[in-house]
Amino acid sequence: MSLLLPNRHLKTSSSLAVHAARLYKQLESTSTVGTAWLTYKSIFPDLPFERFVLTLDVLVALKLLEFDGSVLIKVVGRNAAQD
């Protein structure tokens, strides 16, 4: 069963794609992993850290988020197809 996109077994609100979009919207342009975790917990208080990591993985895979050491950097306004 996929967690990325909603289907008949997974509600839209529980999909990783929706979680990634909501977290991305709330993140500052740069933040630490700890700050991002606190943001995630404020949005999804009942979800575990593992789900947060999967959500970050989705954002990195979509090239919407980059890591620079311990800092997360939001990628804004760059076309991923150009890479």
PDB file of N, CA and C in Angstrom:
ATOM      1  N   MET A   1       0.843  -1.179   0.000  1.00  0.00           N
ATOM      2  CA  MET A   1       0.000   0.000   0.000  1.00  0.00           C
ATOM      3  C   MET A   1       0.892   1.247   0.000  1.00  0.00           C
ATOM      4  N   SER A   2       0.592   2.172  -0.853  1.00  0.00           N
ATOM      5  CA  SER A   2       1.357   3.407  -0.983  1.00  0.00           C
ATOM      6  C   SER A   2       0.931   4.420   0.077  1.00  0.00           C
ATOM      7  N   LEU A   3       1.911   5.119   0.618  1.00  0.00           N
ATOM      8  CA  LEU A   3       1.622   6.218   1.542  1.00  0.00           C
ATOM      9  C   LEU A   3       1.766   7.572   0.868  1.00  0.00           C
ATOM     10  N   LEU A   4       2.319   7.566  -0.343  1.00  0.00           N
ATOM     11  CA  LEU A   4       2.607   8.822  -1.001  1.00  0.00           C
ATOM     12  C   LEU A   4       1.351   9.530  -1.510  1.00  0.00           C
ATOM     13  N   LEU A   5       0.537   8.817  -2.246  1.00  0.00           N
ATOM     14  CA  LEU A   5      -0.670   9.411  -2.828  1.00  0.00           C
ATOM     15  C   LEU A   5      -1.917   8.754  -2.268  1.00  0.00           C
ATOM     16  N   PRO A   6      -2.995   9.488  -2.163  1.00  0.00           N
ATOM     17  CA  PRO A   6      -4.234   8.910  -1.648  1.00  0.00           C
ATOM     18  C   PRO A   6      -4.774   7.842  -2.599  1.00  0.00           C
ATOM     19  N   ASN A   7      -5.470   6.888  -2.031  1.00  0.00           N
ATOM     20  CA  ASN A   7      -6.152   5.854  -2.814  1.00  0.00           C
ATOM     21  C   ASN A   7      -7.347   5.377  -1.994  1.00  0.00           C
ATOM     22  N   ARG A   8      -7.910   4.278  -2.358  1.00  0.00           N
ATOM     23  CA  ARG A   8      -9.113   3.841  -1.633  1.00  0.00           C
ATOM     24  C   ARG A   8      -8.814   3.397  -0.205  1.00  0.00           C
ATOM     25  N   HIS A   9      -7.538   3.109   0.102  1.00  0.00           N
ATOM     26  CA  HIS A   9      -7.156   2.695   1.454  1.00  0.00           C
ATOM     27  C   HIS A   9      -6.551   3.830   2.280  1.00  0.00           C
ATOM     28  N   LEU A  10      -6.235   4.945   1.632  1.00  0.00           N
ATOM     29  CA  LEU A  10      -5.553   6.047   2.304  1.00  0.00           C
ATOM     30  C   LEU A  10      -6.262   7.366   1.985  1.00  0.00           C
ATOM     31  N   LYS A  11      -6.734   8.018   3.038  1.00  0.00           N
ATOM     32  CA  LYS A  11      -7.404   9.303   2.854  1.00  0.00           C
ATOM     33  C   LYS A  11      -6.407  10.346   2.335  1.00  0.00           C
ATOM     34  N   THR A  12      -6.909  11.293   1.601  1.00  0.00           N
ATOM     35  CA  THR A  12      -6.070  12.368   1.075  1.00  0.00           C
ATOM     36  C   THR A  12      -5.312  13.057   2.200  1.00  0.00           C
ATOM     37  N   SER A  13      -5.982  13.327   3.281  1.00  0.00           N
ATOM     38  CA  SER A  13      -5.355  14.041   4.402  1.00  0.00           C
ATOM     39  C   SER A  13      -4.244  13.240   5.077  1.00  0.00           C
ATOM     40  N   SER A  14      -4.160  11.947   4.822  1.00  0.00           N
ATOM     41  CA  SER A  14      -3.127  11.104   5.422  1.00  0.00           C
ATOM     42  C   SER A  14      -1.977  10.791   4.481  1.00  0.00           C
ATOM     43  N   SER A  15      -2.039  11.278   3.261  1.00  0.00           N
ATOM     44  CA  SER A  15      -0.994  10.957   2.288  1.00  0.00           C
ATOM     45  C   SER A  15       0.254  11.799   2.523  1.00  0.00           C
ATOM     46  N   LEU A  16       1.399  11.242   2.184  1.00  0.00           N
ATOM     47  CA  LEU A  16       2.658  11.960   2.333  1.00  0.00           C
ATOM     48  C   LEU A  16       2.704  13.195   1.438  1.00  0.00           C
ATOM     49  N   ALA A  17       2.071  13.134   0.289  1.00  0.00           N
ATOM     50  CA  ALA A  17       2.059  14.287  -0.613  1.00  0.00           C
ATOM     51  C   ALA A  17       1.394  15.487   0.059  1.00  0.00           C
ATOM     52  N   VAL A  18       0.290  15.255   0.733  1.00  0.00           N
ATOM     53  CA  VAL A  18      -0.409  16.340   1.434  1.00  0.00           C
ATOM     54  C   VAL A  18       0.409  16.804   2.634  1.00  0.00           C
ATOM     55  N   HIS A  19       0.987  15.878   3.374  1.00  0.00           N
ATOM     56  CA  HIS A  19       1.823  16.260   4.514  1.00  0.00           C
ATOM     57  C   HIS A  19       3.004  17.103   4.052  1.00  0.00           C
ATOM     58  N   ALA A  20       3.632  16.701   2.937  1.00  0.00           N
ATOM     59  CA  ALA A  20       4.768  17.449   2.405  1.00  0.00           C
ATOM     60  C   ALA A  20       4.341  18.860   1.998  1.00  0.00           C
ATOM     61  N   ALA A  21       3.210  18.979   1.338  1.00  0.00           N
ATOM     62  CA  ALA A  21       2.723  20.291   0.908  1.00  0.00           C
ATOM     63  C   ALA A  21       2.425  21.190   2.104  1.00  0.00           C
ATOM     64  N   ARG A  22       1.798  20.635   3.113  1.00  0.00           N
ATOM     65  CA  ARG A  22       1.459  21.457   4.291  1.00  0.00           C
ATOM     66  C   ARG A  22       2.703  21.877   5.057  1.00  0.00           C
ATOM     67  N   LEU A  23       3.686  20.972   5.181  1.00  0.00           N
ATOM     68  CA  LEU A  23       4.928  21.321   5.867  1.00  0.00           C
ATOM     69  C   LEU A  23       5.694  22.368   5.064  1.00  0.00           C
ATOM     70  N   TYR A  24       5.800  22.170   3.766  1.00  0.00           N
ATOM     71  CA  TYR A  24       6.526  23.110   2.908  1.00  0.00           C
ATOM     72  C   TYR A  24       5.934  24.515   3.033  1.00  0.00           C
ATOM     73  N   LYS A  25       4.628  24.595   3.050  1.00  0.00           N
ATOM     74  CA  LYS A  25       3.953  25.895   3.161  1.00  0.00           C
ATOM     75  C   LYS A  25       4.308  26.595   4.472  1.00  0.00           C
ATOM     76  N   GLN A  26       4.491  25.840   5.547  1.00  0.00           N
ATOM     77  CA  GLN A  26       4.744  26.417   6.870  1.00  0.00           C
ATOM     78  C   GLN A  26       6.222  26.690   7.151  1.00  0.00           C
ATOM     79  N   LEU A  27       7.127  26.052   6.408  1.00  0.00           N
ATOM     80  CA  LEU A  27       8.553  26.219   6.680  1.00  0.00           C
ATOM     81  C   LEU A  27       9.039  27.608   6.287  1.00  0.00           C
ATOM     82  N   GLU A  28       9.981  28.110   7.062  1.00  0.00           N
ATOM     83  CA  GLU A  28      10.682  29.338   6.701  1.00  0.00           C
ATOM     84  C   GLU A  28      11.636  29.013   5.552  1.00  0.00           C
ATOM     85  N   SER A  29      12.249  30.025   4.960  1.00  0.00           N
ATOM     86  CA  SER A  29      13.160  29.775   3.834  1.00  0.00           C
ATOM     87  C   SER A  29      14.373  28.947   4.255  1.00  0.00           C
ATOM     88  N   THR A  30      14.830  29.110   5.478  1.00  0.00           N
ATOM     89  CA  THR A  30      15.864  28.236   6.052  1.00  0.00           C
ATOM     90  C   THR A  30      15.444  27.893   7.474  1.00  0.00           C
ATOM     91  N   SER A  31      15.709  26.671   7.864  1.00  0.00           N
ATOM     92  CA  SER A  31      15.413  26.250   9.229  1.00  0.00           C
ATOM     93  C   SER A  31      16.258  25.028   9.557  1.00  0.00           C
ATOM     94  N   THR A  32      16.340  24.738  10.822  1.00  0.00           N
ATOM     95  CA  THR A  32      17.042  23.528  11.244  1.00  0.00           C
ATOM     96  C   THR A  32      16.066  22.359  11.212  1.00  0.00           C
ATOM     97  N   VAL A  33      16.606  21.160  11.284  1.00  0.00           N
ATOM     98  CA  VAL A  33      15.746  19.980  11.335  1.00  0.00           C
ATOM     99  C   VAL A  33      14.873  20.035  12.585  1.00  0.00           C
ATOM    100  N   GLY A  34      15.446  20.480  13.694  1.00  0.00           N
ATOM    101  CA  GLY A  34      14.683  20.581  14.937  1.00  0.00           C
ATOM    102  C   GLY A  34      13.503  21.535  14.830  1.00  0.00           C
ATOM    103  N   THR A  35      13.730  22.675  14.197  1.00  0.00           N
ATOM    104  CA  THR A  35      12.648  23.640  13.999  1.00  0.00           C
ATOM    105  C   THR A  35      11.586  23.089  13.064  1.00  0.00           C
ATOM    106  N   ALA A  36      12.034  22.408  12.008  1.00  0.00           N
ATOM    107  CA  ALA A  36      11.084  21.790  11.074  1.00  0.00           C
ATOM    108  C   ALA A  36      10.265  20.713  11.780  1.00  0.00           C
ATOM    109  N   TRP A  37      10.889  19.958  12.675  1.00  0.00           N
ATOM    110  CA  TRP A  37      10.178  18.933  13.433  1.00  0.00           C
ATOM    111  C   TRP A  37       9.103  19.575  14.314  1.00  0.00           C
ATOM    112  N   LEU A  38       9.441  20.677  14.976  1.00  0.00           N
ATOM    113  CA  LEU A  38       8.451  21.376  15.807  1.00  0.00           C
ATOM    114  C   LEU A  38       7.294  21.903  14.959  1.00  0.00           C
ATOM    115  N   THR A  39       7.594  22.379  13.774  1.00  0.00           N
ATOM    116  CA  THR A  39       6.551  22.840  12.854  1.00  0.00           C
ATOM    117  C   THR A  39       5.654  21.674  12.458  1.00  0.00           C
ATOM    118  N   TYR A  40       6.287  20.555  12.118  1.00  0.00           N
ATOM    119  CA  TYR A  40       5.535  19.354  11.720  1.00  0.00           C
ATOM    120  C   TYR A  40       4.622  18.893  12.857  1.00  0.00           C
ATOM    121  N   LYS A  41       5.162  18.879  14.084  1.00  0.00           N
ATOM    122  CA  LYS A  41       4.368  18.447  15.244  1.00  0.00           C
ATOM    123  C   LYS A  41       3.208  19.400  15.520  1.00  0.00           C
ATOM    124  N   SER A  42       3.368  20.674  15.195  1.00  0.00           N
ATOM    125  CA  SER A  42       2.254  21.607  15.397  1.00  0.00           C
ATOM    126  C   SER A  42       1.139  21.357  14.377  1.00  0.00           C
ATOM    127  N   ILE A  43       1.517  20.864  13.192  1.00  0.00           N
ATOM    128  CA  ILE A  43       0.525  20.566  12.159  1.00  0.00           C
ATOM    129  C   ILE A  43      -0.088  19.188  12.369  1.00  0.00           C
ATOM    130  N   PHE A  44       0.764  18.213  12.687  1.00  0.00           N
ATOM    131  CA  PHE A  44       0.346  16.808  12.838  1.00  0.00           C
ATOM    132  C   PHE A  44       0.798  16.286  14.206  1.00  0.00           C
ATOM    133  N   PRO A  45       0.123  16.654  15.264  1.00  0.00           N
ATOM    134  CA  PRO A  45       0.596  16.328  16.619  1.00  0.00           C
ATOM    135  C   PRO A  45       0.653  14.836  16.955  1.00  0.00           C
ATOM    136  N   ASP A  46      -0.113  14.011  16.257  1.00  0.00           N
ATOM    137  CA  ASP A  46      -0.158  12.594  16.607  1.00  0.00           C
ATOM    138  C   ASP A  46       0.771  11.717  15.772  1.00  0.00           C
ATOM    139  N   LEU A  47       1.510  12.303  14.835  1.00  0.00           N
ATOM    140  CA  LEU A  47       2.349  11.497  13.955  1.00  0.00           C
ATOM    141  C   LEU A  47       3.774  11.379  14.488  1.00  0.00           C
ATOM    142  N   PRO A  48       4.405  10.226  14.262  1.00  0.00           N
ATOM    143  CA  PRO A  48       5.746   9.992  14.802  1.00  0.00           C
ATOM    144  C   PRO A  48       6.847  10.647  13.961  1.00  0.00           C
ATOM    145  N   PHE A  49       8.038  10.668  14.523  1.00  0.00           N
ATOM    146  CA  PHE A  49       9.206  11.242  13.864  1.00  0.00           C
ATOM    147  C   PHE A  49       9.495  10.545  12.536  1.00  0.00           C
ATOM    148  N   GLU A  50       9.264   9.252  12.463  1.00  0.00           N
ATOM    149  CA  GLU A  50       9.511   8.497  11.231  1.00  0.00           C
ATOM    150  C   GLU A  50       8.688   9.047  10.068  1.00  0.00           C
ATOM    151  N   ARG A  51       7.467   9.437  10.350  1.00  0.00           N
ATOM    152  CA  ARG A  51       6.590  10.004   9.314  1.00  0.00           C
ATOM    153  C   ARG A  51       7.120  11.371   8.870  1.00  0.00           C
ATOM    154  N   PHE A  52       7.661  12.131   9.804  1.00  0.00           N
ATOM    155  CA  PHE A  52       8.302  13.409   9.491  1.00  0.00           C
ATOM    156  C   PHE A  52       9.477  13.194   8.540  1.00  0.00           C
ATOM    157  N   VAL A  53      10.299  12.196   8.811  1.00  0.00           N
ATOM    158  CA  VAL A  53      11.453  11.893   7.960  1.00  0.00           C
ATOM    159  C   VAL A  53      10.987  11.522   6.552  1.00  0.00           C
ATOM    160  N   LEU A  54       9.946  10.712   6.451  1.00  0.00           N
ATOM    161  CA  LEU A  54       9.399  10.373   5.135  1.00  0.00           C
ATOM    162  C   LEU A  54       8.896  11.615   4.410  1.00  0.00           C
ATOM    163  N   THR A  55       8.300  12.523   5.139  1.00  0.00           N
ATOM    164  CA  THR A  55       7.810  13.771   4.548  1.00  0.00           C
ATOM    165  C   THR A  55       8.972  14.608   4.021  1.00  0.00           C
ATOM    166  N   LEU A  56      10.059  14.683   4.784  1.00  0.00           N
ATOM    167  CA  LEU A  56      11.251  15.385   4.301  1.00  0.00           C
ATOM    168  C   LEU A  56      11.800  14.710   3.057  1.00  0.00           C
ATOM    169  N   ASP A  57      11.805  13.373   3.045  1.00  0.00           N
ATOM    170  CA  ASP A  57      12.272  12.630   1.870  1.00  0.00           C
ATOM    171  C   ASP A  57      11.485  13.006   0.622  1.00  0.00           C
ATOM    172  N   VAL A  58      10.186  13.159   0.755  1.00  0.00           N
ATOM    173  CA  VAL A  58       9.345  13.542  -0.382  1.00  0.00           C
ATOM    174  C   VAL A  58       9.746  14.932  -0.880  1.00  0.00           C
ATOM    175  N   LEU A  59       9.939  15.867   0.034  1.00  0.00           N
ATOM    176  CA  LEU A  59      10.311  17.224  -0.360  1.00  0.00           C
ATOM    177  C   LEU A  59      11.687  17.269  -1.026  1.00  0.00           C
ATOM    178  N   VAL A  60      12.616  16.475  -0.536  1.00  0.00           N
ATOM    179  CA  VAL A  60      13.948  16.407  -1.154  1.00  0.00           C
ATOM    180  C   VAL A  60      13.856  15.748  -2.529  1.00  0.00           C
ATOM    181  N   ALA A  61      13.095  14.675  -2.635  1.00  0.00           N
ATOM    182  CA  ALA A  61      12.940  13.981  -3.919  1.00  0.00           C
ATOM    183  C   ALA A  61      12.304  14.887  -4.971  1.00  0.00           C
ATOM    184  N   LEU A  62      11.398  15.742  -4.556  1.00  0.00           N
ATOM    185  CA  LEU A  62      10.752  16.685  -5.469  1.00  0.00           C
ATOM    186  C   LEU A  62      11.591  17.943  -5.717  1.00  0.00           C
ATOM    187  N   LYS A  63      12.770  17.985  -5.090  1.00  0.00           N
ATOM    188  CA  LYS A  63      13.706  19.115  -5.202  1.00  0.00           C
ATOM    189  C   LYS A  63      13.091  20.422  -4.713  1.00  0.00           C
ATOM    190  N   LEU A  64      12.269  20.306  -3.681  1.00  0.00           N
ATOM    191  CA  LEU A  64      11.682  21.482  -3.048  1.00  0.00           C
ATOM    192  C   LEU A  64      12.401  21.854  -1.762  1.00  0.00           C
ATOM    193  N   LEU A  65      13.276  20.946  -1.313  1.00  0.00           N
ATOM    194  CA  LEU A  65      14.003  21.145  -0.069  1.00  0.00           C
ATOM    195  C   LEU A  65      15.402  20.583  -0.251  1.00  0.00           C
ATOM    196  N   GLU A  66      16.394  21.317   0.262  1.00  0.00           N
ATOM    197  CA  GLU A  66      17.778  20.867   0.204  1.00  0.00           C
ATOM    198  C   GLU A  66      18.373  20.903   1.607  1.00  0.00           C
ATOM    199  N   PHE A  67      19.352  20.040   1.839  1.00  0.00           N
ATOM    200  CA  PHE A  67      20.089  20.043   3.094  1.00  0.00           C
ATOM    201  C   PHE A  67      21.436  20.716   2.872  1.00  0.00           C
ATOM    202  N   ASP A  68      21.827  21.555   3.796  1.00  0.00           N
ATOM    203  CA  ASP A  68      23.166  22.138   3.810  1.00  0.00           C
ATOM    204  C   ASP A  68      23.685  21.972   5.226  1.00  0.00           C
ATOM    205  N   GLY A  69      24.370  20.878   5.464  1.00  0.00           N
ATOM    206  CA  GLY A  69      24.795  20.542   6.818  1.00  0.00           C
ATOM    207  C   GLY A  69      23.577  20.174   7.638  1.00  0.00           C
ATOM    208  N   SER A  70      23.314  20.939   8.674  1.00  0.00           N
ATOM    209  CA  SER A  70      22.142  20.683   9.506  1.00  0.00           C
ATOM    210  C   SER A  70      21.001  21.660   9.217  1.00  0.00           C
ATOM    211  N   VAL A  71      21.122  22.405   8.124  1.00  0.00           N
ATOM    212  CA  VAL A  71      20.122  23.410   7.769  1.00  0.00           C
ATOM    213  C   VAL A  71      19.305  22.924   6.575  1.00  0.00           C
ATOM    214  N   LEU A  72      18.007  23.126   6.665  1.00  0.00           N
ATOM    215  CA  LEU A  72      17.094  22.837   5.563  1.00  0.00           C
ATOM    216  C   LEU A  72      16.854  24.131   4.800  1.00  0.00           C
ATOM    217  N   ILE A  73      16.944  24.067   3.487  1.00  0.00           N
ATOM    218  CA  ILE A  73      16.746  25.249   2.654  1.00  0.00           C
ATOM    219  C   ILE A  73      15.595  24.980   1.707  1.00  0.00           C
ATOM    220  N   LYS A  74      14.594  25.849   1.762  1.00  0.00           N
ATOM    221  CA  LYS A  74      13.457  25.755   0.845  1.00  0.00           C
ATOM    222  C   LYS A  74      13.888  26.218  -0.533  1.00  0.00           C
ATOM    223  N   VAL A  75      13.593  25.422  -1.540  1.00  0.00           N
ATOM    224  CA  VAL A  75      13.870  25.811  -2.920  1.00  0.00           C
ATOM    225  C   VAL A  75      12.602  26.464  -3.459  1.00  0.00           C
ATOM    226  N   VAL A  76      12.729  27.716  -3.858  1.00  0.00           N
ATOM    227  CA  VAL A  76      11.573  28.475  -4.321  1.00  0.00           C
ATOM    228  C   VAL A  76      11.893  29.048  -5.687  1.00  0.00           C
ATOM    229  N   GLY A  77      10.976  28.875  -6.631  1.00  0.00           N
ATOM    230  CA  GLY A  77      11.101  29.544  -7.916  1.00  0.00           C
ATOM    231  C   GLY A  77      12.085  28.963  -8.889  1.00  0.00           C
ATOM    232  N   ARG A  78      12.591  27.753  -8.621  1.00  0.00           N
ATOM    233  CA  ARG A  78      13.506  27.124  -9.561  1.00  0.00           C
ATOM    234  C   ARG A  78      12.788  25.948 -10.214  1.00  0.00           C
ATOM    235  N   ASN A  79      12.892  25.830 -11.498  1.00  0.00           N
ATOM    236  CA  ASN A  79      12.262  24.742 -12.224  1.00  0.00           C
ATOM    237  C   ASN A  79      13.107  23.488 -12.080  1.00  0.00           C
ATOM    238  N   ALA A  80      12.564  22.443 -11.444  1.00  0.00           N
ATOM    239  CA  ALA A  80      13.298  21.200 -11.233  1.00  0.00           C
ATOM    240  C   ALA A  80      13.664  20.533 -12.550  1.00  0.00           C
ATOM    241  N   ALA A  81      12.935  20.802 -13.616  1.00  0.00           N
ATOM    242  CA  ALA A  81      13.228  20.187 -14.911  1.00  0.00           C
ATOM    243  C   ALA A  81      14.533  20.734 -15.504  1.00  0.00           C
ATOM    244  N   GLN A  82      14.990  21.883 -15.020  1.00  0.00           N
ATOM    245  CA  GLN A  82      16.229  22.452 -15.513  1.00  0.00           C
ATOM    246  C   GLN A  82      17.447  21.723 -14.970  1.00  0.00           C
ATOM    247  N   ASP A  83      17.328  21.002 -13.885  1.00  0.00           N
ATOM    248  CA  ASP A  83      18.454  20.308 -13.265  1.00  0.00           C
ATOM    249  C   ASP A  83      18.885  19.095 -14.040  1.00  0.00           C
TER     250      ASP A  83
END
